[in-house]
């Protein structure tokens, strides 16, 4: 496999990242729902945030949900690739990934509540 450096590496990595985002949008309903929420929440962050720090926290908390969802989707894809039959560890891995997404969403909600009610 050819190894890239410098700007070539950057552009190749960006290409693979875009492919991942497209795959997530195409194959993951939860990701599409989160994109819908972000379309509303990200502009609201700039409107409702009173300081740059508040805006940054509100935006970062939304983007964190994306990051964790993408990791969870990758984990689920790997587990499904290994086998569709039930295995306790496969179920646990998927549950843990789902729990991580849940924690990211709760964190996002708490950040927004603390800022908006504070």
PDB file of N, CA and C in Angstrom:
ATOM      1  N   UNK A   1       0.836  -1.183   0.000  1.00  0.00           N
ATOM      2  CA  UNK A   1       0.000   0.000   0.000  1.00  0.00           C
ATOM      3  C   UNK A   1       0.883   1.249   0.000  1.00  0.00           C
ATOM      4  N   UNK A   2       0.565   2.166  -0.868  1.00  0.00           N
ATOM      5  CA  UNK A   2       1.351   3.390  -0.985  1.00  0.00           C
ATOM      6  C   UNK A   2       1.073   4.310   0.203  1.00  0.00           C
ATOM      7  N   UNK A   3       2.122   4.895   0.759  1.00  0.00           N
ATOM      8  CA  UNK A   3       1.991   5.797   1.889  1.00  0.00           C
ATOM      9  C   UNK A   3       2.112   7.233   1.401  1.00  0.00           C
ATOM     10  N   UNK A   4       1.186   8.077   1.830  1.00  0.00           N
ATOM     11  CA  UNK A   4       1.176   9.469   1.398  1.00  0.00           C
ATOM     12  C   UNK A   4       1.645  10.366   2.532  1.00  0.00           C
ATOM     13  N   UNK A   5       2.207  11.519   2.163  1.00  0.00           N
ATOM     14  CA  UNK A   5       2.650  12.488   3.150  1.00  0.00           C
ATOM     15  C   UNK A   5       2.190  13.881   2.727  1.00  0.00           C
ATOM     16  N   UNK A   6       2.297  14.811   3.646  1.00  0.00           N
ATOM     17  CA  UNK A   6       2.015  16.209   3.358  1.00  0.00           C
ATOM     18  C   UNK A   6       0.586  16.450   2.920  1.00  0.00           C
ATOM     19  N   UNK A   7       0.443  17.341   1.946  1.00  0.00           N
ATOM     20  CA  UNK A   7      -0.893  17.718   1.474  1.00  0.00           C
ATOM     21  C   UNK A   7      -1.629  16.556   0.827  1.00  0.00           C
ATOM     22  N   UNK A   8      -0.902  15.674   0.158  1.00  0.00           N
ATOM     23  CA  UNK A   8      -1.543  14.507  -0.450  1.00  0.00           C
ATOM     24  C   UNK A   8      -2.218  13.665   0.634  1.00  0.00           C
ATOM     25  N   UNK A   9      -1.518  13.452   1.748  1.00  0.00           N
ATOM     26  CA  UNK A   9      -2.097  12.698   2.864  1.00  0.00           C
ATOM     27  C   UNK A   9      -3.340  13.402   3.394  1.00  0.00           C
ATOM     28  N   UNK A  10      -3.246  14.708   3.553  1.00  0.00           N
ATOM     29  CA  UNK A  10      -4.386  15.486   4.062  1.00  0.00           C
ATOM     30  C   UNK A  10      -5.606  15.324   3.160  1.00  0.00           C
ATOM     31  N   UNK A  11      -5.409  15.466   1.848  1.00  0.00           N
ATOM     32  CA  UNK A  11      -6.543  15.381   0.923  1.00  0.00           C
ATOM     33  C   UNK A  11      -7.089  13.963   0.825  1.00  0.00           C
ATOM     34  N   UNK A  12      -6.227  12.960   0.883  1.00  0.00           N
ATOM     35  CA  UNK A  12      -6.700  11.567   0.892  1.00  0.00           C
ATOM     36  C   UNK A  12      -7.517  11.300   2.157  1.00  0.00           C
ATOM     37  N   UNK A  13      -7.018  11.772   3.293  1.00  0.00           N
ATOM     38  CA  UNK A  13      -7.730  11.580   4.558  1.00  0.00           C
ATOM     39  C   UNK A  13      -9.080  12.290   4.535  1.00  0.00           C
ATOM     40  N   UNK A  14      -9.111  13.492   3.982  1.00  0.00           N
ATOM     41  CA  UNK A  14     -10.372  14.237   3.881  1.00  0.00           C
ATOM     42  C   UNK A  14     -11.362  13.499   2.987  1.00  0.00           C
ATOM     43  N   UNK A  15     -10.865  12.918   1.911  1.00  0.00           N
ATOM     44  CA  UNK A  15     -11.722  12.141   0.996  1.00  0.00           C
ATOM     45  C   UNK A  15     -12.350  10.963   1.741  1.00  0.00           C
ATOM     46  N   UNK A  16     -11.544  10.226   2.506  1.00  0.00           N
ATOM     47  CA  UNK A  16     -12.068   9.077   3.251  1.00  0.00           C
ATOM     48  C   UNK A  16     -13.060   9.527   4.324  1.00  0.00           C
ATOM     49  N   UNK A  17     -12.791  10.663   4.923  1.00  0.00           N
ATOM     50  CA  UNK A  17     -13.718  11.201   5.926  1.00  0.00           C
ATOM     51  C   UNK A  17     -15.064  11.542   5.296  1.00  0.00           C
ATOM     52  N   UNK A  18     -15.042  12.154   4.135  1.00  0.00           N
ATOM     53  CA  UNK A  18     -16.293  12.483   3.426  1.00  0.00           C
ATOM     54  C   UNK A  18     -17.051  11.213   3.038  1.00  0.00           C
ATOM     55  N   UNK A  19     -16.314  10.182   2.627  1.00  0.00           N
ATOM     56  CA  UNK A  19     -16.955   8.905   2.320  1.00  0.00           C
ATOM     57  C   UNK A  19     -17.635   8.335   3.562  1.00  0.00           C
ATOM     58  N   UNK A  20     -16.987   8.474   4.714  1.00  0.00           N
ATOM     59  CA  UNK A  20     -17.568   7.993   5.968  1.00  0.00           C
ATOM     60  C   UNK A  20     -18.823   8.754   6.339  1.00  0.00           C
ATOM     61  N   UNK A  21     -18.796  10.077   6.179  1.00  0.00           N
ATOM     62  CA  UNK A  21     -19.989  10.876   6.481  1.00  0.00           C
ATOM     63  C   UNK A  21     -21.144  10.524   5.546  1.00  0.00           C
ATOM     64  N   UNK A  22     -20.838  10.340   4.264  1.00  0.00           N
ATOM     65  CA  UNK A  22     -21.879   9.948   3.308  1.00  0.00           C
ATOM     66  C   UNK A  22     -22.455   8.588   3.665  1.00  0.00           C
ATOM     67  N   UNK A  23     -21.593   7.633   4.027  1.00  0.00           N
ATOM     68  CA  UNK A  23     -22.051   6.293   4.406  1.00  0.00           C
ATOM     69  C   UNK A  23     -22.932   6.354   5.650  1.00  0.00           C
ATOM     70  N   UNK A  24     -22.531   7.165   6.625  1.00  0.00           N
ATOM     71  CA  UNK A  24     -23.331   7.296   7.841  1.00  0.00           C
ATOM     72  C   UNK A  24     -24.701   7.866   7.516  1.00  0.00           C
ATOM     73  N   UNK A  25     -24.743   8.885   6.671  1.00  0.00           N
ATOM     74  CA  UNK A  25     -26.023   9.498   6.313  1.00  0.00           C
ATOM     75  C   UNK A  25     -26.897   8.514   5.534  1.00  0.00           C
ATOM     76  N   UNK A  26     -26.292   7.741   4.661  1.00  0.00           N
ATOM     77  CA  UNK A  26     -27.043   6.803   3.826  1.00  0.00           C
ATOM     78  C   UNK A  26     -27.560   5.603   4.624  1.00  0.00           C
ATOM     79  N   UNK A  27     -26.743   5.081   5.531  1.00  0.00           N
ATOM     80  CA  UNK A  27     -27.051   3.804   6.170  1.00  0.00           C
ATOM     81  C   UNK A  27     -27.526   3.897   7.622  1.00  0.00           C
ATOM     82  N   UNK A  28     -27.383   5.038   8.252  1.00  0.00           N
ATOM     83  CA  UNK A  28     -27.691   5.141   9.682  1.00  0.00           C
ATOM     84  C   UNK A  28     -28.817   6.145   9.934  1.00  0.00           C
ATOM     85  N   UNK A  29     -29.989   5.626  10.289  1.00  0.00           N
ATOM     86  CA  UNK A  29     -31.143   6.492  10.550  1.00  0.00           C
ATOM     87  C   UNK A  29     -30.860   7.439  11.710  1.00  0.00           C
ATOM     88  N   UNK A  30     -30.202   6.947  12.758  1.00  0.00           N
ATOM     89  CA  UNK A  30     -29.911   7.795  13.913  1.00  0.00           C
ATOM     90  C   UNK A  30     -29.049   8.982  13.507  1.00  0.00           C
ATOM     91  N   UNK A  31     -28.079   8.760  12.621  1.00  0.00           N
ATOM     92  CA  UNK A  31     -27.221   9.848  12.157  1.00  0.00           C
ATOM     93  C   UNK A  31     -28.043  10.883  11.402  1.00  0.00           C
ATOM     94  N   UNK A  32     -28.972  10.417  10.568  1.00  0.00           N
ATOM     95  CA  UNK A  32     -29.834  11.358   9.834  1.00  0.00           C
ATOM     96  C   UNK A  32     -30.691  12.169  10.802  1.00  0.00           C
ATOM     97  N   UNK A  33     -31.198  11.541  11.851  1.00  0.00           N
ATOM     98  CA  UNK A  33     -31.985  12.271  12.859  1.00  0.00           C
ATOM     99  C   UNK A  33     -31.122  13.323  13.555  1.00  0.00           C
ATOM    100  N   UNK A  34     -29.893  12.958  13.871  1.00  0.00           N
ATOM    101  CA  UNK A  34     -28.995  13.898  14.535  1.00  0.00           C
ATOM    102  C   UNK A  34     -28.618  15.050  13.608  1.00  0.00           C
ATOM    103  N   UNK A  35     -28.483  14.781  12.326  1.00  0.00           N
ATOM    104  CA  UNK A  35     -28.231  15.858  11.363  1.00  0.00           C
ATOM    105  C   UNK A  35     -29.426  16.820  11.356  1.00  0.00           C
ATOM    106  N   UNK A  36     -30.639  16.252  11.375  1.00  0.00           N
ATOM    107  CA  UNK A  36     -31.841  17.103  11.422  1.00  0.00           C
ATOM    108  C   UNK A  36     -31.860  17.984  12.651  1.00  0.00           C
ATOM    109  N   UNK A  37     -31.517  17.407  13.801  1.00  0.00           N
ATOM    110  CA  UNK A  37     -31.468  18.201  15.032  1.00  0.00           C
ATOM    111  C   UNK A  37     -30.381  19.276  14.943  1.00  0.00           C
ATOM    112  N   UNK A  38     -29.237  18.928  14.366  1.00  0.00           N
ATOM    113  CA  UNK A  38     -28.131  19.885  14.263  1.00  0.00           C
ATOM    114  C   UNK A  38     -28.471  21.054  13.336  1.00  0.00           C
ATOM    115  N   UNK A  39     -29.260  20.789  12.310  1.00  0.00           N
ATOM    116  CA  UNK A  39     -29.679  21.861  11.396  1.00  0.00           C
ATOM    117  C   UNK A  39     -30.448  22.935  12.155  1.00  0.00           C
ATOM    118  N   UNK A  40     -31.139  22.521  13.200  1.00  0.00           N
ATOM    119  CA  UNK A  40     -31.884  23.461  14.043  1.00  0.00           C
ATOM    120  C   UNK A  40     -30.982  24.018  15.156  1.00  0.00           C
ATOM    121  N   UNK A  41     -30.249  23.129  15.824  1.00  0.00           N
ATOM    122  CA  UNK A  41     -29.493  23.527  17.016  1.00  0.00           C
ATOM    123  C   UNK A  41     -28.282  24.409  16.721  1.00  0.00           C
ATOM    124  N   UNK A  42     -27.551  24.130  15.647  1.00  0.00           N
ATOM    125  CA  UNK A  42     -26.338  24.920  15.408  1.00  0.00           C
ATOM    126  C   UNK A  42     -26.627  26.398  15.161  1.00  0.00           C
ATOM    127  N   UNK A  43     -27.595  26.751  14.308  1.00  0.00           N
ATOM    128  CA  UNK A  43     -27.915  28.182  14.192  1.00  0.00           C
ATOM    129  C   UNK A  43     -28.448  28.772  15.501  1.00  0.00           C
ATOM    130  N   UNK A  44     -29.242  27.965  16.243  1.00  0.00           N
ATOM    131  CA  UNK A  44     -29.759  28.441  17.530  1.00  0.00           C
ATOM    132  C   UNK A  44     -28.632  28.756  18.509  1.00  0.00           C
ATOM    133  N   UNK A  45     -27.559  27.974  18.465  1.00  0.00           N
ATOM    134  CA  UNK A  45     -26.429  28.220  19.369  1.00  0.00           C
ATOM    135  C   UNK A  45     -25.872  29.620  19.163  1.00  0.00           C
ATOM    136  N   UNK A  46     -25.780  30.041  17.908  1.00  0.00           N
ATOM    137  CA  UNK A  46     -25.247  31.373  17.618  1.00  0.00           C
ATOM    138  C   UNK A  46     -26.238  32.474  17.999  1.00  0.00           C
ATOM    139  N   UNK A  47     -27.502  32.147  17.995  1.00  0.00           N
ATOM    140  CA  UNK A  47     -28.528  33.128  18.339  1.00  0.00           C
ATOM    141  C   UNK A  47     -28.724  33.224  19.854  1.00  0.00           C
ATOM    142  N   UNK A  48     -28.708  32.061  20.535  1.00  0.00           N
ATOM    143  CA  UNK A  48     -29.007  32.036  21.968  1.00  0.00           C
ATOM    144  C   UNK A  48     -27.775  32.194  22.857  1.00  0.00           C
ATOM    145  N   UNK A  49     -26.618  31.819  22.364  1.00  0.00           N
ATOM    146  CA  UNK A  49     -25.404  31.954  23.170  1.00  0.00           C
ATOM    147  C   UNK A  49     -25.066  33.417  23.386  1.00  0.00           C
ATOM    148  N   UNK A  50     -24.797  33.765  24.636  1.00  0.00           N
ATOM    149  CA  UNK A  50     -24.517  35.170  24.959  1.00  0.00           C
ATOM    150  C   UNK A  50     -23.035  35.509  24.823  1.00  0.00           C
ATOM    151  N   UNK A  51     -22.191  34.511  24.992  1.00  0.00           N
ATOM    152  CA  UNK A  51     -20.747  34.729  24.889  1.00  0.00           C
ATOM    153  C   UNK A  51     -20.150  33.725  23.900  1.00  0.00           C
ATOM    154  N   UNK A  52     -18.922  33.987  23.515  1.00  0.00           N
ATOM    155  CA  UNK A  52     -18.241  33.053  22.614  1.00  0.00           C
ATOM    156  C   UNK A  52     -18.069  31.684  23.269  1.00  0.00           C
ATOM    157  N   UNK A  53     -17.844  31.676  24.559  1.00  0.00           N
ATOM    158  CA  UNK A  53     -17.686  30.407  25.286  1.00  0.00           C
ATOM    159  C   UNK A  53     -18.997  29.620  25.271  1.00  0.00           C
ATOM    160  N   UNK A  54     -20.105  30.286  25.509  1.00  0.00           N
ATOM    161  CA  UNK A  54     -21.401  29.600  25.464  1.00  0.00           C
ATOM    162  C   UNK A  54     -21.670  29.031  24.073  1.00  0.00           C
ATOM    163  N   UNK A  55     -21.414  29.823  23.059  1.00  0.00           N
ATOM    164  CA  UNK A  55     -21.627  29.361  21.682  1.00  0.00           C
ATOM    165  C   UNK A  55     -20.725  28.157  21.408  1.00  0.00           C
ATOM    166  N   UNK A  56     -19.468  28.258  21.798  1.00  0.00           N
ATOM    167  CA  UNK A  56     -18.527  27.159  21.566  1.00  0.00           C
ATOM    168  C   UNK A  56     -18.981  25.884  22.273  1.00  0.00           C
ATOM    169  N   UNK A  57     -19.434  26.004  23.508  1.00  0.00           N
ATOM    170  CA  UNK A  57     -19.898  24.828  24.250  1.00  0.00           C
ATOM    171  C   UNK A  57     -21.139  24.220  23.614  1.00  0.00           C
ATOM    172  N   UNK A  58     -22.057  25.059  23.172  1.00  0.00           N
ATOM    173  CA  UNK A  58     -23.285  24.562  22.554  1.00  0.00           C
ATOM    174  C   UNK A  58     -22.966  23.853  21.232  1.00  0.00           C
ATOM    175  N   UNK A  59     -22.118  24.460  20.423  1.00  0.00           N
ATOM    176  CA  UNK A  59     -21.741  23.853  19.141  1.00  0.00           C
ATOM    177  C   UNK A  59     -20.956  22.557  19.387  1.00  0.00           C
ATOM    178  N   UNK A  60     -19.989  22.605  20.288  1.00  0.00           N
ATOM    179  CA  UNK A  60     -19.157  21.427  20.560  1.00  0.00           C
ATOM    180  C   UNK A  60     -19.994  20.262  21.085  1.00  0.00           C
ATOM    181  N   UNK A  61     -20.990  20.554  21.907  1.00  0.00           N
ATOM    182  CA  UNK A  61     -21.808  19.467  22.451  1.00  0.00           C
ATOM    183  C   UNK A  61     -22.620  18.791  21.350  1.00  0.00           C
ATOM    184  N   UNK A  62     -23.075  19.545  20.364  1.00  0.00           N
ATOM    185  CA  UNK A  62     -23.803  18.963  19.228  1.00  0.00           C
ATOM    186  C   UNK A  62     -22.841  18.136  18.377  1.00  0.00           C
ATOM    187  N   UNK A  63     -21.668  18.678  18.093  1.00  0.00           N
ATOM    188  CA  UNK A  63     -20.694  17.966  17.271  1.00  0.00           C
ATOM    189  C   UNK A  63     -20.184  16.707  17.971  1.00  0.00           C
ATOM    190  N   UNK A  64     -20.125  16.731  19.304  1.00  0.00           N
ATOM    191  CA  UNK A  64     -19.710  15.558  20.062  1.00  0.00           C
ATOM    192  C   UNK A  64     -20.677  14.399  19.825  1.00  0.00           C
ATOM    193  N   UNK A  65     -21.969  14.694  19.725  1.00  0.00           N
ATOM    194  CA  UNK A  65     -22.949  13.642  19.452  1.00  0.00           C
ATOM    195  C   UNK A  65     -22.637  12.996  18.107  1.00  0.00           C
ATOM    196  N   UNK A  66     -22.305  13.802  17.091  1.00  0.00           N
ATOM    197  CA  UNK A  66     -21.919  13.250  15.789  1.00  0.00           C
ATOM    198  C   UNK A  66     -20.720  12.313  15.919  1.00  0.00           C
ATOM    199  N   UNK A  67     -19.695  12.768  16.609  1.00  0.00           N
ATOM    200  CA  UNK A  67     -18.468  11.985  16.727  1.00  0.00           C
ATOM    201  C   UNK A  67     -18.741  10.640  17.397  1.00  0.00           C
ATOM    202  N   UNK A  68     -19.494  10.671  18.487  1.00  0.00           N
ATOM    203  CA  UNK A  68     -19.779   9.427  19.200  1.00  0.00           C
ATOM    204  C   UNK A  68     -20.685   8.530  18.367  1.00  0.00           C
ATOM    205  N   UNK A  69     -21.644   9.101  17.668  1.00  0.00           N
ATOM    206  CA  UNK A  69     -22.518   8.307  16.797  1.00  0.00           C
ATOM    207  C   UNK A  69     -21.714   7.638  15.687  1.00  0.00           C
ATOM    208  N   UNK A  70     -20.774   8.342  15.098  1.00  0.00           N
ATOM    209  CA  UNK A  70     -19.938   7.749  14.054  1.00  0.00           C
ATOM    210  C   UNK A  70     -19.103   6.590  14.609  1.00  0.00           C
ATOM    211  N   UNK A  71     -18.541   6.757  15.791  1.00  0.00           N
ATOM    212  CA  UNK A  71     -17.785   5.665  16.413  1.00  0.00           C
ATOM    213  C   UNK A  71     -18.691   4.477  16.708  1.00  0.00           C
ATOM    214  N   UNK A  72     -19.888   4.750  17.218  1.00  0.00           N
ATOM    215  CA  UNK A  72     -20.841   3.680  17.495  1.00  0.00           C
ATOM    216  C   UNK A  72     -21.235   2.945  16.215  1.00  0.00           C
ATOM    217  N   UNK A  73     -21.475   3.674  15.151  1.00  0.00           N
ATOM    218  CA  UNK A  73     -21.837   3.049  13.881  1.00  0.00           C
ATOM    219  C   UNK A  73     -20.694   2.187  13.354  1.00  0.00           C
ATOM    220  N   UNK A  74     -19.464   2.661  13.502  1.00  0.00           N
ATOM    221  CA  UNK A  74     -18.312   1.863  13.099  1.00  0.00           C
ATOM    222  C   UNK A  74     -18.203   0.586  13.908  1.00  0.00           C
ATOM    223  N   UNK A  75     -18.414   0.688  15.210  1.00  0.00           N
ATOM    224  CA  UNK A  75     -18.389  -0.480  16.084  1.00  0.00           C
ATOM    225  C   UNK A  75     -19.462  -1.480  15.676  1.00  0.00           C
ATOM    226  N   UNK A  76     -20.661  -0.988  15.424  1.00  0.00           N
ATOM    227  CA  UNK A  76     -21.756  -1.877  15.014  1.00  0.00           C
ATOM    228  C   UNK A  76     -21.451  -2.548  13.684  1.00  0.00           C
ATOM    229  N   UNK A  77     -20.843  -1.820  12.747  1.00  0.00           N
ATOM    230  CA  UNK A  77     -20.486  -2.404  11.454  1.00  0.00           C
ATOM    231  C   UNK A  77     -19.478  -3.538  11.627  1.00  0.00           C
ATOM    232  N   UNK A  78     -18.500  -3.326  12.496  1.00  0.00           N
ATOM    233  CA  UNK A  78     -17.500  -4.372  12.743  1.00  0.00           C
ATOM    234  C   UNK A  78     -18.158  -5.598  13.365  1.00  0.00           C
ATOM    235  N   UNK A  79     -19.001  -5.390  14.360  1.00  0.00           N
ATOM    236  CA  UNK A  79     -19.678  -6.513  15.011  1.00  0.00           C
ATOM    237  C   UNK A  79     -20.535  -7.271  13.999  1.00  0.00           C
ATOM    238  N   UNK A  80     -21.268  -6.550  13.161  1.00  0.00           N
ATOM    239  CA  UNK A  80     -22.109  -7.206  12.162  1.00  0.00           C
ATOM    240  C   UNK A  80     -21.263  -7.938  11.122  1.00  0.00           C
ATOM    241  N   UNK A  81     -20.089  -7.415  10.805  1.00  0.00           N
ATOM    242  CA  UNK A  81     -19.188  -8.062   9.841  1.00  0.00           C
ATOM    243  C   UNK A  81     -18.703  -9.400  10.367  1.00  0.00           C
ATOM    244  N   UNK A  82     -18.458  -9.461  11.672  1.00  0.00           N
ATOM    245  CA  UNK A  82     -17.955 -10.687  12.288  1.00  0.00           C
ATOM    246  C   UNK A  82     -19.013 -11.779  12.228  1.00  0.00           C
ATOM    247  N   UNK A  83     -20.279 -11.417  12.442  1.00  0.00           N
ATOM    248  CA  UNK A  83     -21.333 -12.426  12.379  1.00  0.00           C
ATOM    249  C   UNK A  83     -22.661 -11.886  12.849  1.00  0.00           C
ATOM    250  N   UNK A  84     -23.723 -12.381  12.232  1.00  0.00           N
ATOM    251  CA  UNK A  84     -25.076 -11.936  12.585  1.00  0.00           C
ATOM    252  C   UNK A  84     -25.667 -12.731  13.751  1.00  0.00           C
ATOM    253  N   UNK A  85     -25.103 -13.918  14.018  1.00  0.00           N
ATOM    254  CA  UNK A  85     -25.659 -14.730  15.102  1.00  0.00           C
ATOM    255  C   UNK A  85     -25.404 -14.049  16.445  1.00  0.00           C
ATOM    256  N   UNK A  86     -26.291 -14.303  17.392  1.00  0.00           N
ATOM    257  CA  UNK A  86     -26.175 -13.647  18.693  1.00  0.00           C
ATOM    258  C   UNK A  86     -24.959 -14.173  19.443  1.00  0.00           C
ATOM    259  N   UNK A  87     -24.233 -13.243  20.013  1.00  0.00           N
ATOM    260  CA  UNK A  87     -23.150 -13.577  20.935  1.00  0.00           C
ATOM    261  C   UNK A  87     -23.192 -12.528  22.039  1.00  0.00           C
ATOM    262  N   UNK A  88     -23.031 -12.976  23.269  1.00  0.00           N
ATOM    263  CA  UNK A  88     -23.110 -12.064  24.414  1.00  0.00           C
ATOM    264  C   UNK A  88     -22.165 -10.869  24.279  1.00  0.00           C
ATOM    265  N   UNK A  89     -20.942 -11.103  23.836  1.00  0.00           N
ATOM    266  CA  UNK A  89     -19.976 -10.014  23.716  1.00  0.00           C
ATOM    267  C   UNK A  89     -20.347  -9.048  22.593  1.00  0.00           C
ATOM    268  N   UNK A  90     -20.911  -9.577  21.511  1.00  0.00           N
ATOM    269  CA  UNK A  90     -21.363  -8.699  20.428  1.00  0.00           C
ATOM    270  C   UNK A  90     -22.491  -7.799  20.914  1.00  0.00           C
ATOM    271  N   UNK A  91     -23.435  -8.393  21.634  1.00  0.00           N
ATOM    272  CA  UNK A  91     -24.539  -7.610  22.189  1.00  0.00           C
ATOM    273  C   UNK A  91     -24.042  -6.561  23.167  1.00  0.00           C
ATOM    274  N   UNK A  92     -23.086  -6.956  23.997  1.00  0.00           N
ATOM    275  CA  UNK A  92     -22.528  -6.009  24.971  1.00  0.00           C
ATOM    276  C   UNK A  92     -21.810  -4.863  24.265  1.00  0.00           C
ATOM    277  N   UNK A  93     -21.047  -5.182  23.220  1.00  0.00           N
ATOM    278  CA  UNK A  93     -20.337  -4.140  22.474  1.00  0.00           C
ATOM    279  C   UNK A  93     -21.319  -3.134  21.881  1.00  0.00           C
ATOM    280  N   UNK A  94     -22.389  -3.644  21.293  1.00  0.00           N
ATOM    281  CA  UNK A  94     -23.389  -2.745  20.703  1.00  0.00           C
ATOM    282  C   UNK A  94     -24.091  -1.923  21.778  1.00  0.00           C
ATOM    283  N   UNK A  95     -24.405  -2.547  22.908  1.00  0.00           N
ATOM    284  CA  UNK A  95     -25.042  -1.818  24.006  1.00  0.00           C
ATOM    285  C   UNK A  95     -24.135  -0.732  24.561  1.00  0.00           C
ATOM    286  N   UNK A  96     -22.844  -1.025  24.677  1.00  0.00           N
ATOM    287  CA  UNK A  96     -21.896  -0.032  25.181  1.00  0.00           C
ATOM    288  C   UNK A  96     -21.768   1.146  24.215  1.00  0.00           C
ATOM    289  N   UNK A  97     -21.743   0.857  22.927  1.00  0.00           N
ATOM    290  CA  UNK A  97     -21.708   1.930  21.938  1.00  0.00           C
ATOM    291  C   UNK A  97     -22.945   2.798  22.010  1.00  0.00           C
ATOM    292  N   UNK A  98     -24.086   2.154  22.153  1.00  0.00           N
ATOM    293  CA  UNK A  98     -25.344   2.891  22.285  1.00  0.00           C
ATOM    294  C   UNK A  98     -25.359   3.742  23.553  1.00  0.00           C
ATOM    295  N   UNK A  99     -24.825   3.189  24.632  1.00  0.00           N
ATOM    296  CA  UNK A  99     -24.748   3.936  25.887  1.00  0.00           C
ATOM    297  C   UNK A  99     -23.864   5.173  25.729  1.00  0.00           C
ATOM    298  N   UNK A 100     -22.781   5.047  24.965  1.00  0.00           N
ATOM    299  CA  UNK A 100     -21.901   6.193  24.727  1.00  0.00           C
ATOM    300  C   UNK A 100     -22.638   7.306  23.988  1.00  0.00           C
ATOM    301  N   UNK A 101     -23.443   6.931  23.000  1.00  0.00           N
ATOM    302  CA  UNK A 101     -24.243   7.924  22.273  1.00  0.00           C
ATOM    303  C   UNK A 101     -25.238   8.581  23.228  1.00  0.00           C
ATOM    304  N   UNK A 102     -25.867   7.772  24.071  1.00  0.00           N
ATOM    305  CA  UNK A 102     -26.827   8.303  25.041  1.00  0.00           C
ATOM    306  C   UNK A 102     -26.162   9.317  25.968  1.00  0.00           C
ATOM    307  N   UNK A 103     -24.984   8.984  26.465  1.00  0.00           N
ATOM    308  CA  UNK A 103     -24.262   9.902  27.360  1.00  0.00           C
ATOM    309  C   UNK A 103     -23.906  11.195  26.620  1.00  0.00           C
ATOM    310  N   UNK A 104     -23.503  11.084  25.365  1.00  0.00           N
ATOM    311  CA  UNK A 104     -23.188  12.287  24.575  1.00  0.00           C
ATOM    312  C   UNK A 104     -24.435  13.159  24.418  1.00  0.00           C
ATOM    313  N   UNK A 105     -25.584  12.522  24.183  1.00  0.00           N
ATOM    314  CA  UNK A 105     -26.833  13.283  24.028  1.00  0.00           C
ATOM    315  C   UNK A 105     -27.256  13.938  25.349  1.00  0.00           C
ATOM    316  N   UNK A 106     -27.118  13.216  26.440  1.00  0.00           N
ATOM    317  CA  UNK A 106     -27.449  13.784  27.749  1.00  0.00           C
ATOM    318  C   UNK A 106     -26.518  14.955  28.046  1.00  0.00           C
ATOM    319  N   UNK A 107     -25.239  14.794  27.763  1.00  0.00           N
ATOM    320  CA  UNK A 107     -24.275  15.875  27.964  1.00  0.00           C
ATOM    321  C   UNK A 107     -24.662  17.094  27.138  1.00  0.00           C
ATOM    322  N   UNK A 108     -25.020  16.872  25.892  1.00  0.00           N
ATOM    323  CA  UNK A 108     -25.453  17.964  25.014  1.00  0.00           C
ATOM    324  C   UNK A 108     -26.665  18.672  25.620  1.00  0.00           C
ATOM    325  N   UNK A 109     -27.643  17.898  26.040  1.00  0.00           N
ATOM    326  CA  UNK A 109     -28.835  18.479  26.647  1.00  0.00           C
ATOM    327  C   UNK A 109     -28.524  19.271  27.900  1.00  0.00           C
ATOM    328  N   UNK A 110     -27.656  18.735  28.734  1.00  0.00           N
ATOM    329  CA  UNK A 110     -27.281  19.437  29.975  1.00  0.00           C
ATOM    330  C   UNK A 110     -26.542  20.734  29.680  1.00  0.00           C
ATOM    331  N   UNK A 111     -25.631  20.704  28.723  1.00  0.00           N
ATOM    332  CA  UNK A 111     -24.906  21.930  28.353  1.00  0.00           C
ATOM    333  C   UNK A 111     -25.909  23.002  27.929  1.00  0.00           C
ATOM    334  N   UNK A 112     -26.827  22.620  27.063  1.00  0.00           N
ATOM    335  CA  UNK A 112     -27.814  23.587  26.584  1.00  0.00           C
ATOM    336  C   UNK A 112     -28.702  24.091  27.724  1.00  0.00           C
ATOM    337  N   UNK A 113     -29.162  23.191  28.593  1.00  0.00           N
ATOM    338  CA  UNK A 113     -30.010  23.615  29.720  1.00  0.00           C
ATOM    339  C   UNK A 113     -29.271  24.549  30.658  1.00  0.00           C
ATOM    340  N   UNK A 114     -28.044  24.194  31.006  1.00  0.00           N
ATOM    341  CA  UNK A 114     -27.263  25.033  31.924  1.00  0.00           C
ATOM    342  C   UNK A 114     -27.057  26.425  31.337  1.00  0.00           C
ATOM    343  N   UNK A 115     -26.761  26.481  30.050  1.00  0.00           N
ATOM    344  CA  UNK A 115     -26.537  27.794  29.415  1.00  0.00           C
ATOM    345  C   UNK A 115     -27.833  28.564  29.299  1.00  0.00           C
ATOM    346  N   UNK A 116     -28.895  27.908  28.859  1.00  0.00           N
ATOM    347  CA  UNK A 116     -30.158  28.636  28.625  1.00  0.00           C
ATOM    348  C   UNK A 116     -30.878  29.003  29.918  1.00  0.00           C
ATOM    349  N   UNK A 117     -30.708  28.213  30.966  1.00  0.00           N
ATOM    350  CA  UNK A 117     -31.389  28.515  32.230  1.00  0.00           C
ATOM    351  C   UNK A 117     -30.491  29.256  33.204  1.00  0.00           C
ATOM    352  N   UNK A 118     -29.195  29.380  32.860  1.00  0.00           N
ATOM    353  CA  UNK A 118     -28.234  29.996  33.790  1.00  0.00           C
ATOM    354  C   UNK A 118     -28.243  31.481  33.785  1.00  0.00           C
TER     355      UNK A 118
END
